Protein backbone atom coordinates (compact mmCIF):
# COMPACT_ATOMS: atom_id res chain seq x y z
CA MET A 1 103.76 259.20 147.13
CA ASN A 2 101.26 262.06 147.26
CA ALA A 3 102.68 264.69 149.57
CA LYS A 4 99.19 265.47 150.96
CA TYR A 5 99.05 262.17 152.74
CA ILE A 6 102.56 261.16 153.66
CA CYS A 7 105.03 262.37 156.20
CA SER A 8 107.78 264.63 154.97
CA VAL A 9 111.10 262.91 154.51
CA SER A 10 114.67 264.04 154.25
CA LEU A 11 116.10 263.70 150.78
CA ALA A 12 119.60 263.36 152.16
CA ILE A 13 120.95 259.98 151.22
CA CYS A 14 121.85 257.70 154.07
CA ILE A 15 125.03 255.93 152.98
CA LEU A 16 124.70 252.43 154.31
CA SER A 17 127.58 250.05 154.80
CA CYS A 18 127.54 247.62 151.92
CA LYS A 19 127.69 243.98 152.90
CA SER A 20 127.40 242.73 149.33
CA LYS A 21 129.89 240.19 148.04
CA ILE A 22 130.30 242.32 144.91
CA ALA A 23 133.59 244.22 144.93
CA ALA A 24 133.76 247.80 143.68
CA ASP A 25 135.38 248.58 140.33
CA SER A 26 138.95 249.71 140.69
CA ASP A 27 142.05 250.33 138.64
CA SER A 28 144.26 248.31 140.97
CA GLY A 29 144.71 245.49 138.47
CA LYS A 30 142.83 243.05 140.69
CA ASP A 31 139.70 241.24 139.53
CA PRO A 32 137.00 243.91 139.88
CA GLY A 33 134.21 241.36 140.31
CA PHE A 34 131.12 242.07 138.25
CA SER A 35 132.14 244.69 135.69
CA LEU A 36 131.56 246.17 132.24
CA HIS A 37 134.39 246.74 129.79
CA SER A 38 134.14 248.78 126.59
CA PRO A 39 135.91 251.59 124.71
CA ASP A 40 132.62 253.49 125.18
CA THR A 41 133.67 255.43 128.29
CA THR A 42 130.26 257.10 128.63
CA LEU A 43 128.52 253.75 128.95
CA VAL A 44 131.20 252.37 131.29
CA ASN A 45 130.87 255.42 133.52
CA SER A 46 127.09 254.99 133.61
CA PHE A 47 127.55 251.35 134.60
CA ARG A 48 130.04 252.18 137.35
CA TRP A 49 127.85 254.92 138.75
CA ALA A 50 124.77 252.67 138.76
CA LYS A 51 126.64 249.80 140.41
CA ASN A 52 128.25 251.90 143.11
CA GLN A 53 125.08 253.93 143.78
CA ALA A 54 122.86 250.86 144.03
CA LEU A 55 125.23 249.07 146.39
CA GLN A 56 125.20 252.06 148.73
CA TYR A 57 121.58 251.21 149.45
CA VAL A 58 122.32 247.71 150.71
CA GLY A 59 121.47 247.36 154.39
CA ASP A 60 123.30 245.47 157.09
CA ASN A 61 122.35 241.80 157.33
CA SER A 62 122.24 242.21 161.10
CA ASP A 63 119.33 244.65 160.85
CA THR A 64 116.17 243.33 162.47
CA VAL A 65 114.42 242.87 159.14
CA GLY A 66 117.25 240.71 157.79
CA PRO A 67 118.98 241.19 154.40
CA TRP A 68 117.48 244.17 152.55
CA TYR A 69 118.19 247.22 150.42
CA GLU A 70 116.48 250.59 150.15
CA ALA A 71 113.61 250.63 147.69
CA ALA A 72 111.61 253.69 148.73
CA LEU A 73 112.04 257.41 149.13
CA PRO A 74 115.71 258.07 149.95
CA GLY A 75 116.38 258.31 153.65
CA ARG A 76 113.43 256.19 154.82
CA GLN A 77 115.61 253.10 155.25
CA ALA A 78 112.72 251.00 154.01
CA PHE A 79 111.51 249.03 151.01
CA CYS A 80 108.20 249.42 149.18
CA MET A 81 106.25 246.74 147.27
CA ARG A 82 106.18 248.61 143.97
CA ASP A 83 109.83 249.66 144.12
CA VAL A 84 111.13 246.21 145.12
CA SER A 85 109.09 244.60 142.33
CA HIS A 86 110.83 246.94 139.90
CA GLN A 87 114.34 246.86 141.39
CA SER A 88 114.66 243.13 142.01
CA ILE A 89 116.31 242.01 138.74
CA GLY A 90 118.77 244.89 139.02
CA GLY A 91 119.41 243.52 142.51
CA GLU A 92 119.96 240.00 141.18
CA ILE A 93 122.46 241.35 138.66
CA LEU A 94 124.37 242.86 141.60
CA GLY A 95 124.34 239.63 143.60
CA LEU A 96 121.55 240.62 146.01
CA SER A 97 119.60 237.34 145.92
CA ALA A 98 119.38 237.03 149.70
CA GLN A 99 118.02 240.55 149.96
CA ASN A 100 115.40 239.98 147.28
CA PHE A 101 114.16 236.71 148.74
CA ASN A 102 113.91 238.12 152.25
CA MET A 103 112.03 241.25 151.19
CA PHE A 104 109.65 239.33 148.94
CA GLU A 105 108.97 236.84 151.72
CA LYS A 106 108.24 239.68 154.16
CA PHE A 107 105.58 241.08 151.84
CA ALA A 108 104.11 237.65 151.15
CA ALA A 109 103.96 236.74 154.84
CA ASN A 110 102.14 239.91 155.85
CA ILE A 111 99.06 239.52 153.68
CA SER A 112 96.07 239.36 156.04
CA GLU A 113 92.29 239.50 156.13
CA SER A 114 92.40 242.29 158.72
CA LYS A 115 93.98 244.46 156.01
CA ASP A 116 91.45 243.24 153.42
CA TRP A 117 94.10 240.92 151.99
CA CYS A 118 96.65 243.69 151.51
CA SER A 119 100.19 243.30 152.79
CA TYR A 120 102.32 246.13 154.15
CA TRP A 121 103.00 248.74 151.49
CA GLU A 122 106.40 249.54 152.97
CA ILE A 123 108.60 247.82 155.58
CA ASP A 124 111.56 249.43 157.38
CA LYS A 125 114.89 248.03 158.53
CA ASP A 126 113.45 247.40 161.99
CA ASP A 127 110.90 244.99 160.48
CA HIS A 128 107.97 247.34 161.08
CA PRO A 129 105.46 248.72 158.59
CA ALA A 130 106.89 252.13 157.73
CA PRO A 131 105.17 254.73 159.96
CA ALA A 132 104.99 257.23 157.09
CA ASP A 133 102.13 255.24 155.54
CA TYR A 134 100.81 252.89 158.24
CA LYS A 135 98.93 253.53 161.51
CA ASN A 136 97.14 250.24 162.02
CA ASP A 137 95.41 247.53 159.99
CA ARG A 138 92.49 249.80 159.14
CA GLU A 139 94.46 252.99 158.42
CA PHE A 140 97.28 252.60 155.93
CA TRP A 141 98.44 253.49 152.42
CA TYR A 142 98.07 250.87 149.68
CA ASN A 143 98.04 250.80 145.88
CA LEU A 144 96.00 247.86 144.59
CA PRO A 145 98.29 246.84 141.66
CA ALA A 146 101.01 245.90 144.18
CA ASN A 147 99.94 242.31 144.88
CA PHE A 148 99.89 241.45 141.19
CA ASP A 149 103.16 243.27 140.51
CA LEU A 150 104.78 241.20 143.26
CA ILE A 151 103.45 237.94 141.78
CA ARG A 152 104.99 238.91 138.44
CA ALA A 153 108.27 239.85 140.17
CA CYS A 154 108.37 236.50 141.98
CA TRP A 155 108.04 234.67 138.66
CA ARG A 156 110.86 236.78 137.21
CA GLU A 157 112.97 235.99 140.28
CA PHE A 158 112.41 232.27 139.84
CA CYS A 159 113.33 232.48 136.15
CA TRP A 160 116.56 234.36 136.96
CA THR A 161 117.68 232.30 139.96
CA GLY A 162 116.03 228.89 139.68
CA ASN A 163 115.10 229.18 143.36
CA LYS A 164 112.06 226.90 143.62
CA SER A 165 111.02 228.43 146.93
CA TYR A 166 109.36 231.19 144.90
CA ILE A 167 107.15 228.45 143.43
CA ASP A 168 106.79 225.90 146.22
CA ASP A 169 107.13 227.72 149.56
CA GLU A 170 103.81 227.83 151.43
CA VAL A 171 104.24 231.51 152.37
CA PHE A 172 104.48 232.48 148.72
CA ARG A 173 101.78 230.09 147.56
CA ASN A 174 99.39 231.47 150.17
CA PHE A 175 100.13 235.01 148.96
CA TYR A 176 99.46 234.08 145.32
CA GLU A 177 96.23 232.25 146.10
CA LYS A 178 94.86 234.89 148.47
CA SER A 179 95.79 237.72 146.09
CA LEU A 180 94.09 236.12 143.08
CA LYS A 181 90.95 235.08 144.93
CA GLU A 182 90.12 236.76 148.26
CA TYR A 183 91.91 240.04 147.44
CA VAL A 184 90.25 240.22 144.01
CA GLU A 185 86.84 239.54 145.54
CA ARG A 186 87.23 241.92 148.50
CA TRP A 187 88.18 244.84 146.23
CA GLN A 188 85.76 243.88 143.41
CA LEU A 189 88.44 243.39 140.81
CA GLN A 190 86.79 240.59 138.82
CA PRO A 191 86.63 241.27 135.06
CA GLU A 192 82.83 241.49 135.20
CA ARG A 193 82.78 243.82 138.24
CA ILE A 194 85.85 246.01 138.06
CA MET A 195 84.28 248.68 135.83
CA SER A 196 81.42 249.22 138.29
CA ARG A 197 83.38 249.17 141.54
CA PRO A 198 83.17 252.27 143.78
CA LYS A 199 86.18 254.48 144.39
CA ILE A 200 86.09 254.04 148.17
CA MET A 201 85.74 250.48 149.44
CA ASN A 202 85.95 248.47 152.65
CA LEU A 203 85.26 251.49 154.83
CA PRO A 204 84.53 250.40 158.44
CA ALA A 205 81.02 251.15 159.68
CA ASP A 206 82.43 253.28 162.48
CA ALA A 207 84.96 255.16 160.37
CA GLY A 208 85.19 258.80 161.33
CA GLU A 209 85.86 261.78 159.11
CA SER A 210 89.43 261.89 160.42
CA GLU A 211 90.28 258.51 158.90
CA ASP A 212 91.79 259.98 155.75
CA TYR A 213 93.54 256.76 154.82
CA HIS A 214 90.19 255.12 154.03
CA ARG A 215 88.95 258.05 152.01
CA CYS A 216 92.05 258.67 149.93
CA CYS A 217 94.68 255.99 149.91
CA ARG A 218 93.70 252.68 151.53
CA GLY A 219 93.19 250.85 148.27
CA ILE A 220 94.22 253.26 145.49
CA PRO A 221 93.11 251.50 142.28
CA SER A 222 96.24 252.57 140.38
CA TYR A 223 99.93 253.28 140.85
CA VAL A 224 99.16 256.87 139.84
CA GLU A 225 98.48 258.90 142.96
CA THR A 226 96.32 261.86 141.99
CA ASP A 227 93.34 263.67 143.45
CA GLU A 228 92.56 265.67 140.29
CA PHE A 229 89.49 263.50 139.67
CA PRO A 230 87.91 260.48 141.34
CA ILE A 231 89.41 257.19 140.16
CA ALA A 232 87.56 253.92 140.45
CA VAL A 233 89.90 251.98 138.16
CA GLY A 234 93.27 252.67 136.58
CA ALA A 235 94.31 251.07 133.30
CA ASP A 236 97.51 250.00 135.05
CA LEU A 237 95.45 248.06 137.62
CA ILE A 238 93.84 246.03 134.84
CA ALA A 239 97.26 245.48 133.27
CA SER A 240 98.66 244.29 136.61
CA LEU A 241 95.78 241.84 137.02
CA PHE A 242 96.59 240.44 133.58
CA ALA A 243 100.25 239.96 134.56
CA GLY A 244 99.48 238.46 137.96
CA PHE A 245 97.07 235.86 136.62
CA LEU A 246 99.29 235.06 133.63
CA ASP A 247 102.48 234.57 135.61
CA TYR A 248 100.77 232.52 138.29
CA SER A 249 99.47 230.29 135.50
CA LYS A 250 103.11 229.76 134.50
CA MET A 251 103.95 228.76 138.07
CA LEU A 252 101.07 226.29 138.07
CA GLU A 253 102.20 224.88 134.73
CA PHE A 254 105.73 224.43 136.10
CA ARG A 255 104.25 222.53 139.06
CA GLY A 256 102.29 220.31 136.65
CA ASP A 257 98.85 221.65 137.57
CA MET A 258 97.80 222.07 133.96
CA GLU A 259 94.05 222.41 134.54
CA ARG A 260 94.40 225.35 136.93
CA ALA A 261 97.15 226.84 134.76
CA ARG A 262 94.70 227.02 131.85
CA GLU A 263 92.03 228.50 134.14
CA TYR A 264 94.29 231.31 135.36
CA LYS A 265 95.64 232.03 131.88
CA ALA A 266 92.07 232.33 130.59
CA LYS A 267 91.33 234.84 133.35
CA ALA A 268 94.39 236.85 132.35
CA MET A 269 93.08 236.98 128.79
CA GLU A 270 89.77 238.37 130.06
CA TYR A 271 91.58 241.35 131.55
CA GLN A 272 93.58 241.85 128.36
CA GLN A 273 90.40 241.78 126.30
CA LEU A 274 88.71 244.25 128.66
CA LEU A 275 91.56 246.74 128.36
CA ASN A 276 91.92 246.45 124.60
CA SER A 277 88.21 246.58 123.83
CA LYS A 278 87.06 249.36 126.17
CA TRP A 279 90.05 251.54 127.06
CA TRP A 280 91.47 252.38 123.63
CA ALA A 281 90.41 255.84 122.41
CA ALA A 282 90.89 255.98 118.63
CA PRO A 283 90.23 259.76 118.32
CA ILE A 284 93.27 260.54 120.50
CA ASN A 285 95.28 257.46 119.41
CA SER A 286 95.82 256.51 123.02
CA TYR A 287 94.61 254.38 125.88
CA GLN A 288 92.53 256.12 128.50
CA THR A 289 94.10 255.66 131.90
CA PHE A 290 91.34 256.26 134.50
CA TRP A 291 87.68 255.31 134.88
CA ASN A 292 85.07 257.08 137.02
CA ALA A 293 82.31 254.55 137.58
CA ASP A 294 79.98 257.10 139.20
CA LYS A 295 79.95 259.28 136.10
CA GLY A 296 80.64 256.54 133.57
CA GLU A 297 83.54 258.54 132.14
CA PHE A 298 87.13 257.86 131.12
CA TYR A 299 89.94 260.27 131.89
CA LYS A 300 93.41 260.59 130.37
CA GLY A 301 96.44 261.05 132.63
CA GLU A 302 99.55 259.17 133.64
CA GLY A 303 99.92 255.41 133.83
CA GLU A 304 100.47 254.27 130.23
CA LEU A 305 103.99 253.20 131.17
CA PHE A 306 102.63 250.26 133.15
CA LEU A 307 100.74 248.92 130.15
CA LEU A 308 104.16 248.26 128.65
CA TRP A 309 105.73 247.10 131.92
CA PHE A 310 103.05 244.47 132.49
CA GLY A 311 103.15 243.32 128.85
CA VAL A 312 99.41 243.55 128.29
CA LEU A 313 99.56 245.31 124.90
CA GLN A 314 99.69 243.26 121.71
CA ASN A 315 98.75 245.59 118.84
CA PRO A 316 101.96 247.02 117.26
CA ASP A 317 100.38 250.34 116.29
CA ARG A 318 99.01 250.87 119.79
CA ILE A 319 102.36 249.97 121.35
CA LYS A 320 104.11 252.54 119.14
CA ALA A 321 101.47 255.13 120.02
CA THR A 322 101.96 254.42 123.73
CA PHE A 323 105.72 254.96 123.47
CA SER A 324 105.09 258.17 121.52
CA ASN A 325 102.67 259.43 124.17
CA LEU A 326 105.18 258.74 126.92
CA GLN A 327 107.82 260.79 125.11
CA GLN A 328 105.44 263.70 124.56
CA GLN A 329 104.00 263.92 128.06
CA GLY A 330 107.24 263.42 129.98
CA SER A 331 107.43 261.66 133.34
CA ASN A 332 109.14 261.71 136.71
CA VAL A 333 112.46 260.01 137.29
CA GLU A 334 110.89 256.93 138.88
CA SER A 335 108.84 256.27 135.75
CA ARG A 336 111.74 257.01 133.42
CA SER A 337 113.84 254.41 135.25
CA TYR A 338 111.59 251.69 133.76
CA LEU A 339 112.24 252.83 130.20
CA PRO A 340 115.83 251.72 129.44
CA LEU A 341 114.73 248.09 129.66
CA LEU A 342 111.45 248.70 127.83
CA TYR A 343 113.09 250.66 125.01
CA SER A 344 115.56 247.82 124.48
CA GLN A 345 112.87 245.13 124.59
CA TYR A 346 110.86 246.87 121.87
CA GLY A 347 113.79 247.60 119.55
CA PHE A 348 114.49 251.26 120.39
CA PHE A 349 118.19 250.64 121.06
CA GLU A 350 119.37 254.22 120.59
CA LYS A 351 116.70 255.62 122.89
CA ALA A 352 117.63 253.05 125.55
CA TYR A 353 121.30 254.01 125.30
CA ASP A 354 120.60 257.75 125.49
CA LEU A 355 118.29 257.38 128.49
CA ILE A 356 120.75 255.19 130.41
CA ASN A 357 123.36 257.89 130.11
CA ALA A 358 120.89 260.70 130.85
CA LEU A 359 119.67 259.03 134.04
CA SER A 360 123.28 258.49 135.15
CA ASP A 361 124.34 262.06 134.42
CA PRO A 362 125.06 264.26 137.48
CA ALA A 363 122.76 266.82 135.86
CA GLU A 364 119.82 264.53 136.72
CA GLU A 365 118.83 266.06 140.05
CA ARG A 366 116.94 263.00 141.28
CA ARG A 367 119.27 260.27 140.08
CA SER A 368 119.87 259.31 143.72
CA TYR A 369 116.36 257.82 143.93
CA PRO A 370 117.04 254.07 144.40
CA GLU A 371 114.97 252.95 141.41
CA VAL A 372 117.22 254.90 139.06
CA SER A 373 120.49 253.05 139.66
CA PHE A 374 118.77 249.65 139.77
CA GLY A 375 116.81 250.50 136.60
CA VAL A 376 119.98 251.63 134.80
CA MET A 377 121.71 248.39 135.81
CA GLU A 378 118.88 246.27 134.42
CA GLY A 379 118.73 248.52 131.36
CA ILE A 380 122.39 247.81 130.57
CA VAL A 381 122.51 244.08 131.36
CA SER A 382 119.04 242.87 130.31
CA GLY A 383 118.50 245.77 127.90
CA LEU A 384 121.55 246.72 125.83
CA MET A 385 123.37 243.43 126.46
CA GLY A 386 120.11 241.47 126.11
CA VAL A 387 120.78 239.00 128.91
CA GLY A 388 117.72 236.94 129.79
CA VAL A 389 117.49 233.91 132.05
CA TYR A 390 114.87 231.15 132.00
CA ALA A 391 115.65 228.66 134.72
CA PRO A 392 112.73 226.30 133.92
CA GLU A 393 114.65 225.31 130.76
CA ASN A 394 118.18 225.91 132.13
CA LYS A 395 118.55 228.57 129.44
CA ILE A 396 120.47 231.86 129.23
CA SER A 397 119.72 234.11 126.27
CA THR A 398 121.68 237.07 124.99
CA CYS A 399 121.07 239.60 122.23
CA PRO A 400 123.34 242.54 121.37
CA LYS A 401 121.34 245.77 121.23
CA LEU A 402 124.20 248.22 120.91
CA SER A 403 123.85 251.49 119.04
CA ALA A 404 126.92 253.74 119.24
CA THR A 405 129.02 251.23 121.21
CA PRO A 406 131.53 249.22 119.10
CA TRP A 407 131.81 246.42 121.67
CA ALA A 408 130.98 245.73 125.28
CA GLU A 409 131.75 242.89 127.69
CA LEU A 410 130.17 241.93 130.99
CA ARG A 411 132.41 239.93 133.28
CA ASN A 412 131.50 237.79 136.28
CA LEU A 413 127.74 237.98 135.96
CA GLU A 414 126.09 235.43 138.27
CA VAL A 415 122.99 233.82 136.81
CA MET A 416 121.11 230.61 137.55
CA GLY A 417 123.85 229.03 139.64
CA THR A 418 126.78 229.79 137.34
CA THR A 419 128.96 232.75 136.37
CA ILE A 420 129.34 234.02 132.82
CA ASP A 421 131.21 236.57 130.77
CA ILE A 422 129.38 237.84 127.69
CA LYS A 423 130.95 240.01 125.01
CA HIS A 424 129.15 241.59 122.05
CA ILE A 425 131.02 243.07 119.09
CA GLN A 426 128.60 245.51 117.50
CA ASN A 427 125.41 243.53 116.91
CA THR A 428 127.04 240.78 114.86
CA SER A 429 129.17 238.67 117.19
CA SER A 430 128.81 237.30 120.72
CA VAL A 431 131.21 235.35 122.91
CA LEU A 432 129.96 233.54 126.02
CA LEU A 433 132.29 232.13 128.66
CA ASN A 434 130.63 229.78 131.14
CA LYS A 435 132.97 230.03 134.13
CA GLY A 436 131.07 227.68 136.43
CA ASN A 437 130.80 223.90 136.48
CA LYS A 438 127.14 223.90 135.50
CA ASP A 439 126.16 223.05 131.92
CA ILE A 440 123.69 225.50 130.37
CA ILE A 441 121.86 226.16 127.11
CA TRP A 442 122.79 229.43 125.42
CA LYS A 443 120.16 231.02 123.20
CA ALA A 444 122.27 233.39 121.08
CA LEU A 445 120.05 235.97 119.36
CA PHE A 446 120.91 238.69 116.86
CA PRO A 447 118.77 241.48 115.41
CA GLY A 448 117.63 240.88 111.86
CA HIS A 449 116.79 237.89 109.66
CA HIS A 450 119.79 235.65 108.99
CA LYS A 451 119.75 232.18 107.40
CA THR A 452 122.70 230.87 109.40
CA ILE A 453 124.68 231.75 112.52
CA GLU A 454 128.25 230.51 112.87
CA VAL A 455 128.97 228.69 116.12
CA ASN A 456 132.74 228.40 116.72
CA GLY A 457 133.16 228.92 112.98
CA ALA A 458 130.67 226.27 111.85
CA PRO A 459 127.42 227.48 110.21
CA LYS A 460 124.20 226.48 111.94
CA LYS A 461 120.70 226.97 110.57
CA ALA A 462 119.04 229.86 112.39
CA SER A 463 115.54 230.00 113.84
CA TYR A 464 113.48 233.18 113.86
CA LYS A 465 111.20 235.20 116.09
CA ASN A 466 109.65 238.66 115.98
CA ASP A 467 109.07 240.96 118.92
CA LYS A 468 105.66 242.59 119.49
CA LEU A 469 106.49 245.37 117.03
CA GLY A 470 107.44 242.90 114.33
CA ASN A 471 111.20 243.46 114.63
CA PRO A 472 112.93 240.23 113.45
CA TYR A 473 115.54 238.29 115.42
CA SER A 474 117.55 235.21 114.48
CA PHE A 475 118.87 232.69 116.99
CA VAL A 476 120.46 229.34 117.68
CA GLU A 477 120.41 227.34 120.88
CA ILE A 478 123.80 225.97 121.92
CA PRO A 479 124.65 223.55 124.75
CA VAL A 480 127.55 225.09 126.69
CA LYS A 481 129.43 222.93 129.17
CA GLY A 482 130.93 224.30 132.35
CA ASN A 483 134.29 226.05 132.03
CA SER A 484 134.00 226.54 128.30
CA ARG A 485 133.81 229.37 125.76
CA VAL A 486 131.57 229.57 122.69
CA THR A 487 131.44 232.17 119.89
CA ALA A 488 128.34 232.89 117.82
CA GLU A 489 128.32 235.35 114.92
CA ILE A 490 126.42 236.33 111.82
């Protein structure tokens, strides 16, 4: 957060006792629990560092707030909405489902009209809004994309775990509904109004000059915290609105409310159209990132990363330009921790691999920031190993995205109520072991266009898909019973 407006914090890492069920890697010969095996010692070392570092942030379940892990500036012993939304799948990979659900529920439960339909930006282990950025319900720090980021994260949590409470629980449903209606209206975030909204909003009539929170950071319309120029709207805010409306439409569709699902999806498309029609600057081959409504001017700064994170971009040339801009301008370690997953998703396997190892390197001075280890973990499992989970269809997908690594195997990964091992040999062969009793569907993908994929030695006709950059993938869907092993190869 902007140092002008937050309390100073110690950067010393508070090593918390880890109550996770995940055992640490060891060379004792015993089952190491969740682990990565490969002759690529650099990648294995990155995995082990990320796992051990992330688990050091797990709090004690007896803390007042309940199960939690650090997702904020190191040493605060707190969790922040943006950070938790980013770290949650890394947490699921490490077996931290109880922590994720509890933290998400805390944020959802604390949305209130007295805070103009914001929640708490940050909650500490004592179950209080963190004092570094909260005085009372009219003076606090808040970035407006957070509500929509959390909605997206809740959908991702449901897909990974199958926990229907994320869909059906009244606390969560109230948060989704209030965020996409009252919150949008109170902060003038409707597609037809967002470009004319003022920078400072919802200022009490009796607000004094000393109430800096209202004038600088109670409702920042971006995740980018800058005072270089007045910001009325950030491109990342529009992207987050797109993601929030789109993923809530998926929740509604899952619940069978098809009419409202179509309504919310249509609203998401309005935000996508707004961004793509007005924010792209052809002369600089880039999206503008900030809008000053008072002057009617765009500005270029940080924030392009979130256009990729929220999945709002669809034009391949613009996506490539956005990645290129990110490489040229550089970014802080928090932003870079998003990129291993994004590089893998868009086909930049070598870049993903290099960044995973760079973020894990002791030479990275800020690698102890919690987002880094969680981001590296997701970058390895969902990125390089291509593990995806879609509980609505009882489906686990994998896709090898290895570059310099000859083979890699994840063991004892808990997903969707079962435990799997997944091994990739280069990018041509995958072996899945379903170690639980639950039957699943395995969507086995491989890079490239292949007519057939052999399943346990028998050729099966492949289906095809392209990613947003046009990179081709071939796949087959295979029913896998509990306690069974299946091999797929090209």
